[in-house]
Amino acid sequence: MIVLTQRLDHAHAVTASATLALDTRLKNRGPIRLDDGREAGLLLPRGHLLRGGDLLANDDVSEVVRIIAAPETVSTVIAGDGLLLARVCYHLGNRHVPLQIAAGWARYQHDHVLDDMVRGLGAEVSVEQAPFEPEAGAYQSAPHDHGHGHGHAHPHQH
């Protein structure tokens, strides 16, 4: 079995790919199946979300695997009104929902209760199959993140 232990910034050759949903890409350790059917294991440093396009390798770099973000069922909010989109993102973020945010839209893993809340705020929601690449935020460190000496705990009720 191939054991992927490191991330690469670039590679001369990619030997395989692995199409993974977000729930798997959140984990840095455990089994995965490569797109060619071979089994592999992740044994990576903790704290980094695997993103589509990431390159992983085994210890001697004889195997290089490109990660592909798998399409999954997501809800996409499209809003031409920036204030409305900001309000939607605020309310979803307040519920600790991982969000993918881009100019004019936001996406989250599909949940009909959240869809109803977003519609109640006045936004339109479409359910679709698409790769989900949420913001790094509190769910993991991005490779360029660094500590800054204070916490972000805040009291609130759910």
N, C-alpha and C. Protein backbone atom coordinates (compact mmCIF):
# COMPACT_ATOMS: atom_id res chain seq x y z
N MET A 1 0.84 -1.18 0.00
CA MET A 1 0.00 0.00 0.00
C MET A 1 0.89 1.25 0.00
N ILE A 2 0.48 2.24 -0.73
CA ILE A 2 1.19 3.52 -0.80
C ILE A 2 0.84 4.33 0.44
N VAL A 3 1.85 4.85 1.12
CA VAL A 3 1.62 5.71 2.28
C VAL A 3 2.09 7.12 1.92
N LEU A 4 1.14 8.04 1.86
CA LEU A 4 1.43 9.43 1.48
C LEU A 4 1.77 10.21 2.74
N THR A 5 3.00 10.70 2.80
CA THR A 5 3.52 11.31 4.03
C THR A 5 3.87 12.78 3.90
N GLN A 6 3.83 13.32 2.67
CA GLN A 6 4.28 14.71 2.50
C GLN A 6 3.52 15.41 1.39
N ARG A 7 3.48 16.73 1.52
CA ARG A 7 2.92 17.59 0.48
C ARG A 7 4.06 18.11 -0.37
N LEU A 8 3.77 18.29 -1.65
CA LEU A 8 4.77 18.86 -2.56
C LEU A 8 4.23 20.15 -3.15
N ASP A 9 5.11 21.10 -3.39
CA ASP A 9 4.71 22.33 -4.08
C ASP A 9 4.59 22.10 -5.58
N HIS A 10 5.40 21.20 -6.11
CA HIS A 10 5.37 20.88 -7.53
C HIS A 10 5.97 19.49 -7.71
N ALA A 11 5.71 18.90 -8.86
CA ALA A 11 6.25 17.58 -9.16
C ALA A 11 6.52 17.49 -10.65
N HIS A 12 7.55 16.77 -11.02
CA HIS A 12 7.88 16.56 -12.43
C HIS A 12 6.91 15.58 -13.07
N ALA A 13 6.42 14.63 -12.26
CA ALA A 13 5.48 13.65 -12.78
C ALA A 13 4.48 13.29 -11.69
N VAL A 14 3.23 13.16 -12.08
CA VAL A 14 2.17 12.72 -11.17
C VAL A 14 1.85 11.28 -11.57
N THR A 15 1.85 10.38 -10.59
CA THR A 15 1.65 8.96 -10.88
C THR A 15 0.22 8.50 -10.68
N ALA A 16 -0.60 9.31 -9.98
CA ALA A 16 -1.98 8.89 -9.71
C ALA A 16 -2.79 10.10 -9.26
N SER A 17 -4.09 9.89 -9.16
CA SER A 17 -4.97 10.93 -8.62
C SER A 17 -5.92 10.27 -7.62
N ALA A 18 -6.48 11.10 -6.75
CA ALA A 18 -7.48 10.63 -5.79
C ALA A 18 -8.58 11.67 -5.73
N THR A 19 -9.79 11.28 -6.10
CA THR A 19 -10.95 12.17 -6.07
C THR A 19 -11.65 11.96 -4.74
N LEU A 20 -11.63 13.01 -3.90
CA LEU A 20 -12.10 12.88 -2.52
C LEU A 20 -13.11 13.96 -2.17
N ALA A 21 -14.15 13.58 -1.44
CA ALA A 21 -15.12 14.53 -0.91
C ALA A 21 -14.50 15.28 0.27
N LEU A 22 -15.15 16.37 0.66
CA LEU A 22 -14.62 17.19 1.75
C LEU A 22 -14.40 16.40 3.03
N ASP A 23 -15.35 15.56 3.41
CA ASP A 23 -15.21 14.82 4.68
C ASP A 23 -13.91 14.03 4.73
N THR A 24 -13.47 13.51 3.61
CA THR A 24 -12.19 12.78 3.56
C THR A 24 -11.03 13.76 3.52
N ARG A 25 -11.18 14.88 2.78
CA ARG A 25 -10.10 15.85 2.66
C ARG A 25 -9.82 16.60 3.96
N LEU A 26 -10.74 16.53 4.92
CA LEU A 26 -10.52 17.14 6.23
C LEU A 26 -9.58 16.31 7.10
N LYS A 27 -9.42 15.05 6.75
CA LYS A 27 -8.61 14.13 7.54
C LYS A 27 -7.21 14.03 6.97
N ASN A 28 -6.23 14.02 7.81
CA ASN A 28 -4.84 13.91 7.36
C ASN A 28 -4.26 12.52 7.59
N ARG A 29 -5.07 11.66 8.16
CA ARG A 29 -4.63 10.29 8.42
C ARG A 29 -5.78 9.34 8.14
N GLY A 30 -5.44 8.22 7.50
CA GLY A 30 -6.45 7.21 7.23
C GLY A 30 -6.36 6.69 5.81
N PRO A 31 -7.16 5.68 5.52
CA PRO A 31 -7.11 5.05 4.19
C PRO A 31 -7.88 5.86 3.16
N ILE A 32 -7.39 5.82 1.92
CA ILE A 32 -8.11 6.38 0.77
C ILE A 32 -7.95 5.40 -0.39
N ARG A 33 -8.77 5.57 -1.41
CA ARG A 33 -8.63 4.78 -2.62
C ARG A 33 -8.27 5.73 -3.76
N LEU A 34 -7.23 5.39 -4.49
CA LEU A 34 -6.81 6.18 -5.64
C LEU A 34 -7.79 5.94 -6.79
N ASP A 35 -7.83 6.86 -7.73
CA ASP A 35 -8.77 6.73 -8.84
C ASP A 35 -8.49 5.50 -9.70
N ASP A 36 -7.28 4.97 -9.67
CA ASP A 36 -6.96 3.76 -10.43
C ASP A 36 -7.29 2.48 -9.66
N GLY A 37 -7.89 2.64 -8.45
CA GLY A 37 -8.33 1.49 -7.66
C GLY A 37 -7.37 1.05 -6.58
N ARG A 38 -6.12 1.52 -6.61
CA ARG A 38 -5.16 1.13 -5.58
C ARG A 38 -5.52 1.75 -4.25
N GLU A 39 -5.15 1.06 -3.19
CA GLU A 39 -5.35 1.60 -1.85
C GLU A 39 -4.14 2.42 -1.45
N ALA A 40 -4.39 3.47 -0.68
CA ALA A 40 -3.31 4.31 -0.17
C ALA A 40 -3.68 4.74 1.23
N GLY A 41 -2.70 5.22 1.95
CA GLY A 41 -2.94 5.72 3.29
C GLY A 41 -2.40 7.13 3.41
N LEU A 42 -3.11 7.95 4.16
CA LEU A 42 -2.63 9.30 4.46
C LEU A 42 -1.97 9.28 5.82
N LEU A 43 -0.77 9.79 5.90
CA LEU A 43 -0.04 9.94 7.15
C LEU A 43 0.66 11.29 7.08
N LEU A 44 -0.15 12.34 7.07
CA LEU A 44 0.32 13.71 6.88
C LEU A 44 0.30 14.48 8.19
N PRO A 45 1.10 15.53 8.29
CA PRO A 45 1.00 16.39 9.47
C PRO A 45 -0.44 16.90 9.59
N ARG A 46 -0.92 16.98 10.80
CA ARG A 46 -2.30 17.40 11.04
C ARG A 46 -2.49 18.89 10.84
N GLY A 47 -3.73 19.27 10.56
CA GLY A 47 -4.09 20.67 10.57
C GLY A 47 -4.25 21.34 9.22
N HIS A 48 -4.17 20.59 8.12
CA HIS A 48 -4.32 21.21 6.80
C HIS A 48 -5.39 20.49 6.00
N LEU A 49 -6.33 21.22 5.49
CA LEU A 49 -7.34 20.69 4.59
C LEU A 49 -6.69 20.34 3.26
N LEU A 50 -6.98 19.17 2.74
CA LEU A 50 -6.52 18.83 1.41
C LEU A 50 -7.41 19.53 0.40
N ARG A 51 -6.81 20.21 -0.55
CA ARG A 51 -7.53 20.98 -1.57
C ARG A 51 -7.35 20.31 -2.93
N GLY A 52 -8.31 20.54 -3.80
CA GLY A 52 -8.17 20.08 -5.16
C GLY A 52 -6.90 20.67 -5.76
N GLY A 53 -6.09 19.83 -6.38
CA GLY A 53 -4.81 20.27 -6.96
C GLY A 53 -3.62 20.00 -6.07
N ASP A 54 -3.83 19.73 -4.78
CA ASP A 54 -2.71 19.42 -3.89
C ASP A 54 -1.96 18.19 -4.40
N LEU A 55 -0.67 18.19 -4.19
CA LEU A 55 0.18 17.06 -4.55
C LEU A 55 0.70 16.41 -3.29
N LEU A 56 0.53 15.10 -3.17
CA LEU A 56 1.02 14.33 -2.03
C LEU A 56 1.97 13.27 -2.54
N ALA A 57 2.95 12.92 -1.70
CA ALA A 57 3.93 11.92 -2.11
C ALA A 57 4.27 11.00 -0.96
N ASN A 58 4.81 9.83 -1.33
CA ASN A 58 5.35 8.93 -0.32
C ASN A 58 6.75 9.41 0.05
N ASP A 59 7.40 8.71 1.00
CA ASP A 59 8.69 9.17 1.53
C ASP A 59 9.75 9.39 0.45
N ASP A 60 9.85 8.47 -0.51
CA ASP A 60 10.92 8.60 -1.50
C ASP A 60 10.44 9.30 -2.79
N VAL A 61 9.24 9.84 -2.78
CA VAL A 61 8.65 10.60 -3.89
C VAL A 61 8.56 9.75 -5.17
N SER A 62 8.48 8.42 -5.01
CA SER A 62 8.29 7.55 -6.17
C SER A 62 6.82 7.53 -6.60
N GLU A 63 5.93 7.92 -5.70
CA GLU A 63 4.51 8.04 -6.00
C GLU A 63 4.08 9.47 -5.67
N VAL A 64 3.48 10.13 -6.64
CA VAL A 64 2.96 11.49 -6.46
C VAL A 64 1.49 11.46 -6.85
N VAL A 65 0.63 11.86 -5.91
CA VAL A 65 -0.81 11.79 -6.11
C VAL A 65 -1.40 13.20 -6.11
N ARG A 66 -2.16 13.50 -7.17
CA ARG A 66 -2.86 14.78 -7.24
C ARG A 66 -4.26 14.58 -6.64
N ILE A 67 -4.62 15.46 -5.71
CA ILE A 67 -5.94 15.42 -5.08
C ILE A 67 -6.93 16.17 -5.97
N ILE A 68 -8.10 15.58 -6.16
CA ILE A 68 -9.19 16.21 -6.90
C ILE A 68 -10.38 16.34 -5.95
N ALA A 69 -10.94 17.54 -5.85
CA ALA A 69 -12.12 17.74 -5.01
C ALA A 69 -13.32 17.13 -5.73
N ALA A 70 -13.93 16.13 -5.12
CA ALA A 70 -15.05 15.42 -5.73
C ALA A 70 -16.30 16.29 -5.74
N PRO A 71 -17.09 16.19 -6.80
CA PRO A 71 -18.40 16.85 -6.76
C PRO A 71 -19.23 16.20 -5.65
N GLU A 72 -19.96 17.03 -4.93
CA GLU A 72 -20.86 16.54 -3.89
C GLU A 72 -22.08 17.43 -3.85
N THR A 73 -23.10 17.01 -3.12
CA THR A 73 -24.33 17.79 -3.05
C THR A 73 -24.09 19.02 -2.19
N VAL A 74 -24.24 20.17 -2.82
CA VAL A 74 -24.02 21.45 -2.14
C VAL A 74 -25.20 22.38 -2.41
N SER A 75 -25.34 23.36 -1.56
CA SER A 75 -26.30 24.44 -1.76
C SER A 75 -25.50 25.68 -2.11
N THR A 76 -25.90 26.34 -3.18
CA THR A 76 -25.20 27.55 -3.63
C THR A 76 -26.16 28.72 -3.57
N VAL A 77 -25.71 29.78 -2.92
CA VAL A 77 -26.47 31.02 -2.79
C VAL A 77 -25.83 32.02 -3.74
N ILE A 78 -26.61 32.55 -4.66
CA ILE A 78 -26.11 33.58 -5.56
C ILE A 78 -26.86 34.86 -5.24
N ALA A 79 -26.12 35.92 -4.99
CA ALA A 79 -26.76 37.18 -4.62
C ALA A 79 -26.01 38.34 -5.27
N GLY A 80 -26.72 39.11 -6.06
CA GLY A 80 -26.14 40.31 -6.64
C GLY A 80 -26.00 41.42 -5.60
N ASP A 81 -26.74 41.30 -4.52
CA ASP A 81 -26.73 42.27 -3.43
C ASP A 81 -25.67 41.84 -2.41
N GLY A 82 -24.57 42.57 -2.34
CA GLY A 82 -23.47 42.23 -1.44
C GLY A 82 -23.88 42.20 0.02
N LEU A 83 -24.77 43.09 0.43
CA LEU A 83 -25.23 43.11 1.82
C LEU A 83 -26.02 41.85 2.14
N LEU A 84 -26.89 41.43 1.23
CA LEU A 84 -27.65 40.20 1.45
C LEU A 84 -26.70 39.00 1.56
N LEU A 85 -25.74 38.92 0.67
CA LEU A 85 -24.79 37.81 0.73
C LEU A 85 -23.99 37.85 2.03
N ALA A 86 -23.59 39.03 2.46
CA ALA A 86 -22.87 39.16 3.74
C ALA A 86 -23.75 38.68 4.90
N ARG A 87 -25.03 39.04 4.88
CA ARG A 87 -25.94 38.59 5.94
C ARG A 87 -26.08 37.07 5.93
N VAL A 88 -26.21 36.49 4.75
CA VAL A 88 -26.31 35.03 4.63
C VAL A 88 -25.05 34.38 5.20
N CYS A 89 -23.88 34.88 4.80
CA CYS A 89 -22.61 34.32 5.30
C CYS A 89 -22.49 34.48 6.81
N TYR A 90 -22.93 35.61 7.34
CA TYR A 90 -22.90 35.84 8.78
C TYR A 90 -23.73 34.78 9.50
N HIS A 91 -24.97 34.59 9.04
CA HIS A 91 -25.86 33.64 9.74
C HIS A 91 -25.37 32.19 9.60
N LEU A 92 -24.84 31.83 8.45
CA LEU A 92 -24.28 30.48 8.29
C LEU A 92 -23.02 30.32 9.14
N GLY A 93 -22.16 31.33 9.13
CA GLY A 93 -20.95 31.28 9.94
C GLY A 93 -21.25 31.22 11.42
N ASN A 94 -22.30 31.90 11.84
CA ASN A 94 -22.70 31.87 13.24
C ASN A 94 -23.11 30.47 13.67
N ARG A 95 -23.46 29.64 12.71
CA ARG A 95 -23.82 28.24 12.97
C ARG A 95 -22.63 27.31 12.69
N HIS A 96 -21.46 27.91 12.50
CA HIS A 96 -20.20 27.17 12.28
C HIS A 96 -20.29 26.26 11.05
N VAL A 97 -20.97 26.74 10.02
CA VAL A 97 -21.10 26.00 8.77
C VAL A 97 -19.89 26.33 7.89
N PRO A 98 -19.13 25.32 7.45
CA PRO A 98 -18.04 25.60 6.51
C PRO A 98 -18.61 26.22 5.24
N LEU A 99 -17.98 27.29 4.76
CA LEU A 99 -18.46 28.03 3.59
C LEU A 99 -17.35 28.18 2.56
N GLN A 100 -17.75 28.03 1.31
CA GLN A 100 -16.90 28.42 0.19
C GLN A 100 -17.48 29.75 -0.28
N ILE A 101 -16.66 30.78 -0.31
CA ILE A 101 -17.15 32.13 -0.63
C ILE A 101 -16.39 32.66 -1.83
N ALA A 102 -17.14 33.21 -2.78
CA ALA A 102 -16.54 33.84 -3.96
C ALA A 102 -17.34 35.10 -4.26
N ALA A 103 -16.89 35.86 -5.24
CA ALA A 103 -17.57 37.10 -5.61
C ALA A 103 -18.99 36.78 -6.07
N GLY A 104 -19.98 37.23 -5.31
CA GLY A 104 -21.38 37.08 -5.69
C GLY A 104 -22.05 35.79 -5.28
N TRP A 105 -21.31 34.86 -4.65
CA TRP A 105 -21.95 33.62 -4.23
C TRP A 105 -21.23 32.99 -3.04
N ALA A 106 -21.96 32.07 -2.40
CA ALA A 106 -21.42 31.27 -1.30
C ALA A 106 -21.99 29.87 -1.43
N ARG A 107 -21.24 28.89 -0.94
CA ARG A 107 -21.64 27.48 -1.06
C ARG A 107 -21.39 26.78 0.26
N TYR A 108 -22.29 25.85 0.59
CA TYR A 108 -22.14 25.01 1.78
C TYR A 108 -22.66 23.62 1.47
N GLN A 109 -22.28 22.65 2.32
CA GLN A 109 -22.80 21.29 2.14
C GLN A 109 -24.31 21.35 2.31
N HIS A 110 -25.02 20.71 1.40
CA HIS A 110 -26.48 20.81 1.37
C HIS A 110 -27.12 20.39 2.69
N ASP A 111 -28.05 21.21 3.13
CA ASP A 111 -28.86 20.93 4.32
C ASP A 111 -30.16 21.70 4.13
N HIS A 112 -31.29 20.98 4.06
CA HIS A 112 -32.56 21.64 3.76
C HIS A 112 -32.97 22.64 4.83
N VAL A 113 -32.57 22.43 6.08
CA VAL A 113 -32.90 23.39 7.15
C VAL A 113 -32.15 24.70 6.90
N LEU A 114 -30.87 24.60 6.54
CA LEU A 114 -30.09 25.81 6.23
C LEU A 114 -30.64 26.49 4.97
N ASP A 115 -31.04 25.69 3.98
CA ASP A 115 -31.63 26.26 2.77
C ASP A 115 -32.85 27.10 3.12
N ASP A 116 -33.72 26.58 3.99
CA ASP A 116 -34.92 27.32 4.41
C ASP A 116 -34.55 28.61 5.13
N MET A 117 -33.52 28.56 5.99
CA MET A 117 -33.09 29.77 6.69
C MET A 117 -32.60 30.82 5.69
N VAL A 118 -31.80 30.39 4.70
CA VAL A 118 -31.26 31.31 3.71
C VAL A 118 -32.40 31.92 2.89
N ARG A 119 -33.37 31.11 2.52
CA ARG A 119 -34.52 31.65 1.77
C ARG A 119 -35.29 32.64 2.64
N GLY A 120 -35.39 32.35 3.94
CA GLY A 120 -36.06 33.26 4.86
C GLY A 120 -35.36 34.61 4.97
N LEU A 121 -34.06 34.63 4.69
CA LEU A 121 -33.31 35.89 4.68
C LEU A 121 -33.51 36.65 3.38
N GLY A 122 -34.16 36.01 2.39
CA GLY A 122 -34.45 36.67 1.13
C GLY A 122 -33.54 36.28 -0.02
N ALA A 123 -32.71 35.27 0.17
CA ALA A 123 -31.79 34.84 -0.90
C ALA A 123 -32.32 33.60 -1.59
N GLU A 124 -31.85 33.36 -2.79
CA GLU A 124 -32.20 32.16 -3.53
C GLU A 124 -31.10 31.12 -3.37
N VAL A 125 -31.53 29.87 -3.27
CA VAL A 125 -30.60 28.76 -3.08
C VAL A 125 -30.83 27.74 -4.18
N SER A 126 -29.75 27.24 -4.76
CA SER A 126 -29.88 26.13 -5.70
C SER A 126 -29.07 24.96 -5.17
N VAL A 127 -29.61 23.77 -5.33
CA VAL A 127 -28.93 22.55 -4.92
C VAL A 127 -28.29 21.96 -6.16
N GLU A 128 -27.00 21.63 -6.06
CA GLU A 128 -26.27 21.14 -7.23
C GLU A 128 -25.16 20.19 -6.81
N GLN A 129 -24.55 19.58 -7.79
CA GLN A 129 -23.36 18.75 -7.58
C GLN A 129 -22.17 19.59 -8.02
N ALA A 130 -21.25 19.84 -7.10
CA ALA A 130 -20.07 20.65 -7.40
C ALA A 130 -18.98 20.33 -6.39
N PRO A 131 -17.71 20.53 -6.77
CA PRO A 131 -16.64 20.40 -5.78
C PRO A 131 -16.84 21.44 -4.68
N PHE A 132 -16.51 21.08 -3.44
CA PHE A 132 -16.68 21.98 -2.30
C PHE A 132 -15.32 22.27 -1.70
N GLU A 133 -14.92 23.54 -1.75
CA GLU A 133 -13.62 23.99 -1.25
C GLU A 133 -13.85 25.13 -0.25
N PRO A 134 -14.19 24.81 1.00
CA PRO A 134 -14.51 25.87 1.97
C PRO A 134 -13.30 26.70 2.37
N GLU A 135 -13.60 27.85 2.92
CA GLU A 135 -12.55 28.71 3.50
C GLU A 135 -11.82 27.93 4.58
N ALA A 136 -10.56 28.24 4.79
CA ALA A 136 -9.77 27.55 5.82
C ALA A 136 -10.34 27.83 7.20
N GLY A 137 -10.37 29.06 7.62
CA GLY A 137 -11.00 29.45 8.88
C GLY A 137 -10.64 28.59 10.06
N ALA A 138 -11.61 28.33 10.89
CA ALA A 138 -11.42 27.62 12.14
C ALA A 138 -11.32 26.11 11.95
N TYR A 139 -11.54 25.61 10.75
CA TYR A 139 -11.58 24.17 10.55
C TYR A 139 -10.21 23.56 10.37
N GLN A 140 -9.25 24.33 9.95
CA GLN A 140 -7.88 23.86 9.79
C GLN A 140 -7.00 25.05 9.48
N SER A 141 -5.72 24.81 9.50
CA SER A 141 -4.77 25.86 9.12
C SER A 141 -4.54 25.79 7.62
N ALA A 142 -4.46 26.92 7.00
CA ALA A 142 -4.02 26.95 5.60
C ALA A 142 -2.51 26.88 5.62
N PRO A 143 -1.88 26.38 4.57
CA PRO A 143 -0.43 26.24 4.58
C PRO A 143 0.30 27.54 4.88
N HIS A 144 -0.30 28.69 4.60
CA HIS A 144 0.39 29.95 4.85
C HIS A 144 -0.02 30.59 6.18
N ASP A 145 -0.90 29.96 6.92
CA ASP A 145 -1.33 30.53 8.20
C ASP A 145 -0.20 30.53 9.21
N HIS A 146 -0.31 31.39 10.19
CA HIS A 146 0.66 31.42 11.27
C HIS A 146 -0.07 31.82 12.55
N GLY A 147 0.48 31.41 13.68
CA GLY A 147 -0.12 31.78 14.95
C GLY A 147 0.07 33.26 15.22
N HIS A 148 -0.86 33.83 16.00
CA HIS A 148 -0.72 35.24 16.33
C HIS A 148 -1.03 35.52 17.79
N GLY A 149 -0.90 34.50 18.62
CA GLY A 149 -0.85 34.74 20.04
C GLY A 149 -2.12 35.07 20.78
N HIS A 150 -3.28 34.87 20.17
CA HIS A 150 -4.51 35.07 20.94
C HIS A 150 -5.58 34.14 20.41
N GLY A 151 -6.55 33.85 21.26
CA GLY A 151 -7.63 32.94 20.90
C GLY A 151 -8.80 33.68 20.29
N HIS A 152 -9.73 32.88 19.81
CA HIS A 152 -10.91 33.46 19.18
C HIS A 152 -12.19 32.94 19.82
N ALA A 153 -12.12 32.49 21.04
CA ALA A 153 -13.32 32.01 21.72
C ALA A 153 -14.26 33.19 21.96
N HIS A 154 -15.55 32.90 21.83
CA HIS A 154 -16.55 33.94 22.08
C HIS A 154 -17.82 33.28 22.59
N PRO A 155 -18.43 33.87 23.59
CA PRO A 155 -19.64 33.24 24.13
C PRO A 155 -20.82 33.53 23.22
N HIS A 156 -21.59 32.49 22.93
CA HIS A 156 -22.85 32.66 22.23
C HIS A 156 -23.70 31.42 22.43
N GLN A 157 -24.96 31.54 22.16
CA GLN A 157 -25.88 30.42 22.34
C GLN A 157 -26.25 29.86 20.99
N HIS A 158 -26.54 28.56 20.97
CA HIS A 158 -27.00 27.91 19.74
C HIS A 158 -28.43 27.48 19.95
